[in-house]
Amino acid sequence: MARALVNRPRLVLADEPTGNLDAASGALVGELLAELPTDHACTVVVVTHDERLAEPAGRRLGLVDGVLVPVERVSTLPEHRS
């Protein structure tokens, strides 16, 4: 994280940033990512399966059958059947 942020980027792309971390470290990384937009004028895009990490996001999208949809719509879509 430090290496990615040292040059104060305007955009941070994080793919499963807490995937290999213990719960306490994951919570710290989540807090840091949540603070970046307000504290450092940085846009943060996080790809995750962790609802706790996604919760503070200002905008959430889900991937349904290869299409990005607002999370509110994900729960209203019919279940995919094989």
N, C-alpha and C. Protein backbone atom coordinates (compact mmCIF):
# COMPACT_ATOMS: atom_id res chain seq x y z
N MET A 1 0.82 -1.18 0.00
CA MET A 1 0.00 0.00 0.00
C MET A 1 0.87 1.25 0.00
N ALA A 2 1.89 1.26 0.82
CA ALA A 2 2.74 2.44 0.92
C ALA A 2 3.38 2.77 -0.42
N ARG A 3 3.86 1.75 -1.11
CA ARG A 3 4.50 1.97 -2.41
C ARG A 3 3.51 2.55 -3.42
N ALA A 4 2.26 2.08 -3.36
CA ALA A 4 1.24 2.57 -4.29
C ALA A 4 0.83 4.01 -4.00
N LEU A 5 0.95 4.43 -2.75
CA LEU A 5 0.45 5.75 -2.36
C LEU A 5 1.52 6.82 -2.22
N VAL A 6 2.79 6.44 -2.25
CA VAL A 6 3.87 7.39 -1.97
C VAL A 6 3.88 8.58 -2.94
N ASN A 7 3.49 8.38 -4.18
CA ASN A 7 3.49 9.48 -5.15
C ASN A 7 2.15 10.21 -5.24
N ARG A 8 1.28 9.96 -4.27
CA ARG A 8 -0.03 10.62 -4.19
C ARG A 8 -0.82 10.51 -5.50
N PRO A 9 -1.16 9.30 -5.90
CA PRO A 9 -1.90 9.12 -7.15
C PRO A 9 -3.31 9.69 -7.05
N ARG A 10 -3.86 10.05 -8.18
CA ARG A 10 -5.24 10.55 -8.22
C ARG A 10 -6.22 9.39 -8.36
N LEU A 11 -5.72 8.21 -8.75
CA LEU A 11 -6.55 7.02 -8.92
C LEU A 11 -5.82 5.82 -8.33
N VAL A 12 -6.54 5.05 -7.51
CA VAL A 12 -6.01 3.80 -6.95
C VAL A 12 -6.93 2.67 -7.40
N LEU A 13 -6.35 1.66 -8.04
CA LEU A 13 -7.09 0.47 -8.43
C LEU A 13 -6.65 -0.66 -7.51
N ALA A 14 -7.60 -1.24 -6.77
CA ALA A 14 -7.25 -2.27 -5.79
C ALA A 14 -8.07 -3.53 -6.07
N ASP A 15 -7.39 -4.60 -6.45
CA ASP A 15 -8.05 -5.87 -6.75
C ASP A 15 -7.88 -6.80 -5.54
N GLU A 16 -8.96 -7.04 -4.82
CA GLU A 16 -8.96 -7.87 -3.61
C GLU A 16 -7.82 -7.46 -2.67
N PRO A 17 -7.80 -6.20 -2.24
CA PRO A 17 -6.67 -5.71 -1.45
C PRO A 17 -6.54 -6.35 -0.08
N THR A 18 -7.59 -6.99 0.42
CA THR A 18 -7.51 -7.62 1.74
C THR A 18 -7.56 -9.14 1.66
N GLY A 19 -7.52 -9.68 0.46
CA GLY A 19 -7.70 -11.12 0.24
C GLY A 19 -6.75 -12.02 1.00
N ASN A 20 -5.50 -11.62 1.19
CA ASN A 20 -4.51 -12.47 1.85
C ASN A 20 -4.13 -11.95 3.23
N LEU A 21 -4.98 -11.10 3.80
CA LEU A 21 -4.65 -10.50 5.09
C LEU A 21 -5.49 -11.09 6.21
N ASP A 22 -4.97 -11.03 7.44
CA ASP A 22 -5.77 -11.42 8.59
C ASP A 22 -6.81 -10.33 8.82
N ALA A 23 -7.80 -10.59 9.66
CA ALA A 23 -8.93 -9.68 9.86
C ALA A 23 -8.50 -8.29 10.32
N ALA A 24 -7.57 -8.22 11.25
CA ALA A 24 -7.15 -6.92 11.78
C ALA A 24 -6.43 -6.09 10.71
N SER A 25 -5.53 -6.72 9.97
CA SER A 25 -4.82 -6.01 8.90
C SER A 25 -5.78 -5.61 7.79
N GLY A 26 -6.72 -6.48 7.46
CA GLY A 26 -7.72 -6.16 6.44
C GLY A 26 -8.56 -4.96 6.84
N ALA A 27 -8.92 -4.88 8.11
CA ALA A 27 -9.70 -3.74 8.59
C ALA A 27 -8.91 -2.44 8.46
N LEU A 28 -7.61 -2.48 8.76
CA LEU A 28 -6.77 -1.29 8.62
C LEU A 28 -6.67 -0.85 7.17
N VAL A 29 -6.48 -1.80 6.27
CA VAL A 29 -6.41 -1.47 4.84
C VAL A 29 -7.75 -0.88 4.38
N GLY A 30 -8.84 -1.47 4.83
CA GLY A 30 -10.17 -0.97 4.48
C GLY A 30 -10.37 0.47 4.93
N GLU A 31 -9.94 0.77 6.15
CA GLU A 31 -10.05 2.14 6.67
C GLU A 31 -9.22 3.10 5.84
N LEU A 32 -8.01 2.69 5.50
CA LEU A 32 -7.13 3.54 4.68
C LEU A 32 -7.77 3.82 3.33
N LEU A 33 -8.28 2.79 2.67
CA LEU A 33 -8.91 2.98 1.36
C LEU A 33 -10.13 3.89 1.46
N ALA A 34 -10.90 3.76 2.52
CA ALA A 34 -12.10 4.58 2.70
C ALA A 34 -11.74 6.05 2.93
N GLU A 35 -10.59 6.32 3.52
CA GLU A 35 -10.17 7.69 3.82
C GLU A 35 -9.53 8.39 2.63
N LEU A 36 -9.02 7.64 1.67
CA LEU A 36 -8.28 8.25 0.55
C LEU A 36 -9.07 9.32 -0.20
N PRO A 37 -10.33 9.09 -0.57
CA PRO A 37 -11.03 10.11 -1.35
C PRO A 37 -11.14 11.45 -0.63
N THR A 38 -11.44 11.45 0.66
CA THR A 38 -11.60 12.72 1.36
C THR A 38 -10.27 13.31 1.82
N ASP A 39 -9.37 12.48 2.29
CA ASP A 39 -8.11 12.98 2.83
C ASP A 39 -7.08 13.33 1.77
N HIS A 40 -7.14 12.68 0.59
CA HIS A 40 -6.09 12.87 -0.41
C HIS A 40 -6.63 13.13 -1.81
N ALA A 41 -7.91 13.47 -1.92
CA ALA A 41 -8.53 13.77 -3.23
C ALA A 41 -8.19 12.70 -4.25
N CYS A 42 -8.38 11.45 -3.87
CA CYS A 42 -8.01 10.31 -4.69
C CYS A 42 -9.25 9.47 -4.97
N THR A 43 -9.43 9.06 -6.21
CA THR A 43 -10.50 8.13 -6.55
C THR A 43 -10.01 6.72 -6.31
N VAL A 44 -10.85 5.90 -5.67
CA VAL A 44 -10.48 4.53 -5.34
C VAL A 44 -11.48 3.57 -5.99
N VAL A 45 -10.95 2.62 -6.75
CA VAL A 45 -11.78 1.56 -7.33
C VAL A 45 -11.31 0.25 -6.70
N VAL A 46 -12.24 -0.43 -6.02
CA VAL A 46 -11.90 -1.68 -5.33
C VAL A 46 -12.73 -2.81 -5.93
N VAL A 47 -12.06 -3.89 -6.27
CA VAL A 47 -12.74 -5.12 -6.70
C VAL A 47 -12.63 -6.08 -5.52
N THR A 48 -13.79 -6.54 -5.01
CA THR A 48 -13.76 -7.39 -3.84
C THR A 48 -15.01 -8.25 -3.73
N HIS A 49 -14.87 -9.35 -3.01
CA HIS A 49 -16.02 -10.18 -2.64
C HIS A 49 -16.43 -9.89 -1.20
N ASP A 50 -15.66 -9.06 -0.51
CA ASP A 50 -15.86 -8.77 0.90
C ASP A 50 -16.84 -7.62 1.07
N GLU A 51 -18.05 -7.92 1.53
CA GLU A 51 -19.08 -6.90 1.72
C GLU A 51 -18.64 -5.82 2.71
N ARG A 52 -17.88 -6.21 3.74
CA ARG A 52 -17.43 -5.21 4.73
C ARG A 52 -16.51 -4.18 4.08
N LEU A 53 -15.71 -4.61 3.14
CA LEU A 53 -14.80 -3.70 2.46
C LEU A 53 -15.56 -2.80 1.50
N ALA A 54 -16.59 -3.34 0.87
CA ALA A 54 -17.37 -2.57 -0.12
C ALA A 54 -18.36 -1.61 0.52
N GLU A 55 -18.76 -1.88 1.75
CA GLU A 55 -19.82 -1.12 2.39
C GLU A 55 -19.64 0.40 2.39
N PRO A 56 -18.46 0.94 2.69
CA PRO A 56 -18.33 2.40 2.74
C PRO A 56 -18.30 3.09 1.37
N ALA A 57 -18.32 2.33 0.31
CA ALA A 57 -18.19 2.91 -1.03
C ALA A 57 -19.35 3.85 -1.35
N GLY A 58 -19.03 4.94 -2.02
CA GLY A 58 -20.05 5.88 -2.44
C GLY A 58 -20.90 5.33 -3.57
N ARG A 59 -20.33 4.48 -4.36
CA ARG A 59 -21.04 3.86 -5.48
C ARG A 59 -20.59 2.41 -5.57
N ARG A 60 -21.57 1.50 -5.65
CA ARG A 60 -21.24 0.07 -5.72
C ARG A 60 -21.87 -0.54 -6.96
N LEU A 61 -21.06 -1.34 -7.64
CA LEU A 61 -21.52 -2.05 -8.83
C LEU A 61 -21.30 -3.53 -8.64
N GLY A 62 -22.16 -4.32 -9.25
CA GLY A 62 -22.01 -5.76 -9.24
C GLY A 62 -21.84 -6.25 -10.66
N LEU A 63 -21.28 -7.43 -10.80
CA LEU A 63 -21.09 -8.02 -12.12
C LEU A 63 -22.08 -9.17 -12.25
N VAL A 64 -23.03 -9.02 -13.17
CA VAL A 64 -24.06 -10.03 -13.38
C VAL A 64 -24.04 -10.43 -14.85
N ASP A 65 -23.71 -11.68 -15.09
CA ASP A 65 -23.63 -12.19 -16.47
C ASP A 65 -22.78 -11.30 -17.36
N GLY A 66 -21.66 -10.82 -16.80
CA GLY A 66 -20.71 -10.02 -17.57
C GLY A 66 -21.09 -8.56 -17.73
N VAL A 67 -22.14 -8.11 -17.05
CA VAL A 67 -22.60 -6.73 -17.15
C VAL A 67 -22.52 -6.06 -15.79
N LEU A 68 -21.94 -4.84 -15.75
CA LEU A 68 -21.90 -4.08 -14.50
C LEU A 68 -23.26 -3.45 -14.26
N VAL A 69 -23.80 -3.67 -13.07
CA VAL A 69 -25.10 -3.09 -12.71
C VAL A 69 -24.99 -2.51 -11.30
N PRO A 70 -25.78 -1.47 -11.01
CA PRO A 70 -25.78 -0.94 -9.64
C PRO A 70 -26.16 -2.03 -8.65
N VAL A 71 -25.54 -2.03 -7.48
CA VAL A 71 -25.79 -3.09 -6.50
C VAL A 71 -27.27 -3.19 -6.16
N GLU A 72 -27.99 -2.09 -6.12
CA GLU A 72 -29.42 -2.13 -5.81
C GLU A 72 -30.15 -3.04 -6.79
N ARG A 73 -29.71 -3.07 -8.03
CA ARG A 73 -30.36 -3.90 -9.04
C ARG A 73 -29.93 -5.35 -8.97
N VAL A 74 -28.76 -5.64 -8.42
CA VAL A 74 -28.26 -7.01 -8.36
C VAL A 74 -29.24 -7.87 -7.58
N SER A 75 -29.76 -7.36 -6.48
CA SER A 75 -30.65 -8.16 -5.65
C SER A 75 -32.02 -8.36 -6.28
N THR A 76 -32.37 -7.56 -7.28
CA THR A 76 -33.69 -7.68 -7.90
C THR A 76 -33.67 -8.52 -9.18
N LEU A 77 -32.48 -8.90 -9.63
CA LEU A 77 -32.38 -9.69 -10.84
C LEU A 77 -32.77 -11.15 -10.56
N PRO A 78 -33.37 -11.83 -11.52
CA PRO A 78 -33.70 -13.24 -11.29
C PRO A 78 -32.43 -14.05 -11.11
N GLU A 79 -32.52 -15.12 -10.32
CA GLU A 79 -31.36 -15.99 -10.11
C GLU A 79 -30.98 -16.67 -11.41
N HIS A 80 -29.67 -16.81 -11.60
CA HIS A 80 -29.16 -17.48 -12.78
C HIS A 80 -29.32 -18.97 -12.60
N ARG A 81 -29.88 -19.63 -13.60
CA ARG A 81 -30.05 -21.08 -13.54
C ARG A 81 -29.25 -21.73 -14.64
N SER A 82 -28.56 -22.79 -14.28
CA SER A 82 -27.72 -23.51 -15.27
C SER A 82 -28.51 -24.57 -15.96
